[in-house]
């Protein structure tokens, strides 16, 4: 099922409220919910997937699974369409009444957060082209998150913060937060570069020691 999202300037709170008011029947699927919330729902999902990595050292192996999920969702954001996810996840039915209650409580929290994060520097977030470019940045950050360095401090944390900042900034149309996300991507690349140089230098030292 291909659903195309319309570019919107509404806030996440407005998107959630609209989705809640549109829920009908006793059950709802994730596919339908994401279609109702639109691009905001995908960005919110990306942000949620970074939570396990917001500590210096993450659980090995988790970054591969969550990174792949973030990439798939980010592809949906970039192409402005519903991302591919397994049908058993997308079409699993949930209790609509209970979910509406949870979403309303969540919307109240979002409303408070939005008093601090607000539309700024909208040239970075306010057009379809900008959203597509930022979506590509999300994909790249997801690739960095998948790097098999889970036991190395901050190797997952830095790209996770990049994804979190990009997702929140795009959702709230806050260009300054999006720029902070790009800065975290640069910081991740520098950090990985330093790790690669240290590994190379250590290898050269060992080769010299055993060769000499």
Protein backbone atom coordinates (compact mmCIF):
# COMPACT_ATOMS: atom_id res chain seq x y z
CA UNK A 1 0.00 0.00 0.00
CA UNK A 2 1.59 3.29 -1.12
CA UNK A 3 0.57 6.38 0.82
CA UNK A 4 2.05 9.74 -0.09
CA UNK A 5 2.39 12.33 2.64
CA UNK A 6 1.58 15.97 2.01
CA UNK A 7 4.20 18.49 3.13
CA UNK A 8 2.77 20.32 6.11
CA UNK A 9 3.70 23.16 8.42
CA UNK A 10 1.51 21.98 11.27
CA UNK A 11 3.16 21.15 14.59
CA UNK A 12 3.48 17.63 15.96
CA UNK A 13 0.82 18.48 18.55
CA UNK A 14 -1.58 19.54 15.79
CA UNK A 15 -0.75 16.39 13.78
CA UNK A 16 -1.35 14.13 16.79
CA UNK A 17 -4.62 15.89 17.66
CA UNK A 18 -5.83 15.60 14.07
CA UNK A 19 -4.91 11.90 14.01
CA UNK A 20 -6.68 11.21 17.31
CA UNK A 21 -9.83 12.94 16.11
CA UNK A 22 -9.71 10.88 12.89
CA UNK A 23 -9.46 7.47 14.58
CA UNK A 24 -12.60 5.46 13.92
CA UNK A 25 -13.72 1.97 14.92
CA UNK A 26 -12.55 -0.27 17.75
CA UNK A 27 -9.14 -1.15 16.31
CA UNK A 28 -6.43 0.56 14.27
CA UNK A 29 -3.22 -0.61 12.60
CA UNK A 30 0.21 1.02 12.65
CA UNK A 31 -0.11 1.55 8.89
CA UNK A 32 -3.32 3.54 9.36
CA UNK A 33 -1.94 5.47 12.33
CA UNK A 34 1.18 6.54 10.42
CA UNK A 35 -1.00 7.56 7.48
CA UNK A 36 -3.08 9.74 9.83
CA UNK A 37 -0.13 11.38 11.56
CA UNK A 38 1.79 11.69 8.30
CA UNK A 39 5.47 12.59 8.08
CA UNK A 40 5.40 13.68 11.73
CA UNK A 41 4.66 10.10 12.74
CA UNK A 42 7.71 8.79 10.90
CA UNK A 43 9.94 11.43 12.47
CA UNK A 44 8.55 10.65 15.91
CA UNK A 45 9.28 6.94 15.31
CA UNK A 46 12.88 7.77 14.34
CA UNK A 47 13.30 9.74 17.56
CA UNK A 48 11.93 6.85 19.65
CA UNK A 49 14.34 4.38 18.05
CA UNK A 50 17.35 6.40 19.26
CA UNK A 51 16.49 6.03 22.96
CA UNK A 52 18.52 2.84 23.58
CA UNK A 53 21.68 4.56 22.32
CA UNK A 54 21.63 7.76 24.37
CA UNK A 55 24.25 6.32 26.72
CA UNK A 56 28.03 6.06 26.07
CA UNK A 57 28.03 2.28 25.45
CA UNK A 58 25.10 0.44 23.83
CA UNK A 59 24.12 -3.23 23.74
CA UNK A 60 26.06 -4.97 20.94
CA UNK A 61 23.90 -6.00 17.97
CA UNK A 62 21.00 -3.69 18.78
CA UNK A 63 22.40 -0.87 16.64
CA UNK A 64 22.22 -3.07 13.53
CA UNK A 65 18.51 -3.79 13.98
CA UNK A 66 17.47 -0.31 15.09
CA UNK A 67 19.77 1.35 12.56
CA UNK A 68 18.16 -0.65 9.75
CA UNK A 69 14.68 0.33 11.01
CA UNK A 70 15.71 4.02 11.12
CA UNK A 71 17.06 3.78 7.57
CA UNK A 72 13.82 2.21 6.28
CA UNK A 73 11.73 4.88 8.00
CA UNK A 74 14.07 7.62 6.75
CA UNK A 75 13.69 6.33 3.19
CA UNK A 76 9.95 6.83 3.64
CA UNK A 77 10.56 10.39 4.81
CA UNK A 78 12.93 11.11 1.92
CA UNK A 79 10.62 9.67 -0.75
CA UNK A 80 7.54 11.16 0.94
CA UNK A 81 5.83 7.77 1.10
CA UNK A 82 4.93 5.12 3.62
CA UNK A 83 8.12 3.16 4.35
CA UNK A 84 8.37 -0.58 3.87
CA UNK A 85 8.07 -2.47 7.14
CA UNK A 86 6.98 -6.10 7.68
CA UNK A 87 3.23 -6.51 7.17
CA UNK A 88 2.88 -8.29 10.53
CA UNK A 89 4.04 -5.08 12.19
CA UNK A 90 2.27 -2.59 9.92
CA UNK A 91 -1.07 -4.45 9.93
CA UNK A 92 -1.21 -5.59 13.56
CA UNK A 93 -4.48 -4.36 15.07
CA UNK A 94 -4.39 -2.28 18.26
CA UNK A 95 -7.18 -1.17 20.60
CA UNK A 96 -8.21 2.21 19.18
CA UNK A 97 -9.78 3.51 22.42
CA UNK A 98 -6.75 2.74 24.59
CA UNK A 99 -4.38 4.07 21.93
CA UNK A 100 -6.34 7.32 21.67
CA UNK A 101 -6.00 7.83 25.42
CA UNK A 102 -2.25 7.22 25.29
CA UNK A 103 -1.85 9.54 22.31
CA UNK A 104 -3.80 12.32 24.05
CA UNK A 105 -1.51 12.11 27.08
CA UNK A 106 1.48 12.10 24.75
CA UNK A 107 0.11 15.11 22.88
CA UNK A 108 -0.03 17.03 26.17
CA UNK A 109 3.67 16.34 26.74
CA UNK A 110 4.46 17.33 23.15
CA UNK A 111 2.59 20.62 23.62
CA UNK A 112 4.87 21.47 26.57
CA UNK A 113 8.02 20.55 24.61
CA UNK A 114 6.90 22.70 21.70
CA UNK A 115 7.07 25.79 23.92
CA UNK A 116 10.88 25.42 23.82
CA UNK A 117 11.35 24.04 20.31
CA UNK A 118 9.62 26.21 17.75
CA UNK A 119 9.74 27.08 14.03
CA UNK A 120 13.06 28.85 13.36
CA UNK A 121 15.40 29.16 10.37
CA UNK A 122 12.64 27.62 8.27
CA UNK A 123 14.64 27.73 5.04
CA UNK A 124 16.26 24.54 6.38
CA UNK A 125 12.95 22.77 7.05
CA UNK A 126 10.14 24.66 5.31
CA UNK A 127 10.13 23.13 1.84
CA UNK A 128 9.77 19.73 0.25
CA UNK A 129 13.33 19.88 -1.09
CA UNK A 130 14.71 20.68 2.36
CA UNK A 131 12.77 17.75 3.84
CA UNK A 132 14.21 15.39 1.23
CA UNK A 133 17.79 16.58 1.90
CA UNK A 134 17.28 16.27 5.65
CA UNK A 135 15.83 12.80 5.05
CA UNK A 136 19.04 11.80 3.27
CA UNK A 137 20.97 13.06 6.31
CA UNK A 138 18.79 10.81 8.50
CA UNK A 139 19.61 7.82 6.28
CA UNK A 140 23.33 8.59 6.50
CA UNK A 141 23.15 8.94 10.29
CA UNK A 142 21.35 5.57 10.41
CA UNK A 143 24.22 4.01 8.45
CA UNK A 144 26.70 5.49 10.96
CA UNK A 145 24.61 4.07 13.81
CA UNK A 146 24.92 0.59 12.28
CA UNK A 147 28.73 0.68 12.45
CA UNK A 148 29.83 -2.46 14.38
CA UNK A 149 31.47 -0.50 17.20
CA UNK A 150 28.91 -1.00 19.98
CA UNK A 151 31.58 -1.60 22.65
CA UNK A 152 33.47 1.57 21.72
CA UNK A 153 32.26 4.48 23.91
CA UNK A 154 30.11 7.07 22.08
CA UNK A 155 30.25 5.19 18.75
CA UNK A 156 26.46 4.75 18.82
CA UNK A 157 25.68 7.75 21.03
CA UNK A 158 26.93 10.41 18.62
CA UNK A 159 24.92 9.25 15.55
CA UNK A 160 21.90 8.59 17.81
CA UNK A 161 21.94 12.21 18.97
CA UNK A 162 22.29 13.28 15.33
CA UNK A 163 19.17 11.30 14.41
CA UNK A 164 17.27 12.57 17.45
CA UNK A 165 18.10 16.22 16.71
CA UNK A 166 17.31 15.87 12.99
CA UNK A 167 13.99 14.12 13.66
CA UNK A 168 12.86 16.59 16.34
CA UNK A 169 14.04 19.61 14.36
CA UNK A 170 12.30 18.45 11.17
CA UNK A 171 9.11 17.62 13.07
CA UNK A 172 8.96 21.02 14.75
CA UNK A 173 10.31 22.96 11.75
CA UNK A 174 13.19 24.16 13.94
CA UNK A 175 16.13 24.74 11.60
CA UNK A 176 18.54 25.44 14.44
CA UNK A 177 17.93 21.99 15.94
CA UNK A 178 18.35 20.44 12.48
CA UNK A 179 21.69 22.23 12.13
CA UNK A 180 22.71 20.80 15.49
CA UNK A 181 21.91 17.36 14.04
CA UNK A 182 24.21 18.01 11.09
CA UNK A 183 26.91 19.12 13.54
CA UNK A 184 26.56 15.79 15.36
CA UNK A 185 27.01 13.94 12.06
CA UNK A 186 30.25 15.86 11.48
CA UNK A 187 31.33 15.10 15.06
CA UNK A 188 30.62 11.40 14.44
CA UNK A 189 32.71 11.38 11.27
CA UNK A 190 35.60 13.09 13.08
CA UNK A 191 35.35 10.62 15.96
CA UNK A 192 35.32 7.62 13.62
CA UNK A 193 38.26 9.12 11.74
CA UNK A 194 40.24 9.41 14.96
CA UNK A 195 39.38 5.81 15.87
CA UNK A 196 40.54 4.63 12.43
CA UNK A 197 43.81 6.57 12.74
CA UNK A 198 44.47 5.16 16.22
CA UNK A 199 43.78 1.63 14.97
CA UNK A 200 46.13 2.17 12.02
CA UNK A 201 48.85 3.63 14.25
CA UNK A 202 48.50 0.72 16.70
CA UNK A 203 48.75 -1.76 13.82
CA UNK A 204 51.87 -0.06 12.50
CA UNK A 205 53.41 -0.11 15.96
CA UNK A 206 52.73 -3.82 16.38
CA UNK A 207 54.07 -4.57 12.91
CA UNK A 208 57.26 -2.66 13.72
CA UNK A 209 57.62 -4.39 17.08
CA UNK A 210 57.24 -7.92 15.71
CA UNK A 211 59.06 -7.14 12.47
CA UNK A 212 62.00 -5.51 14.17
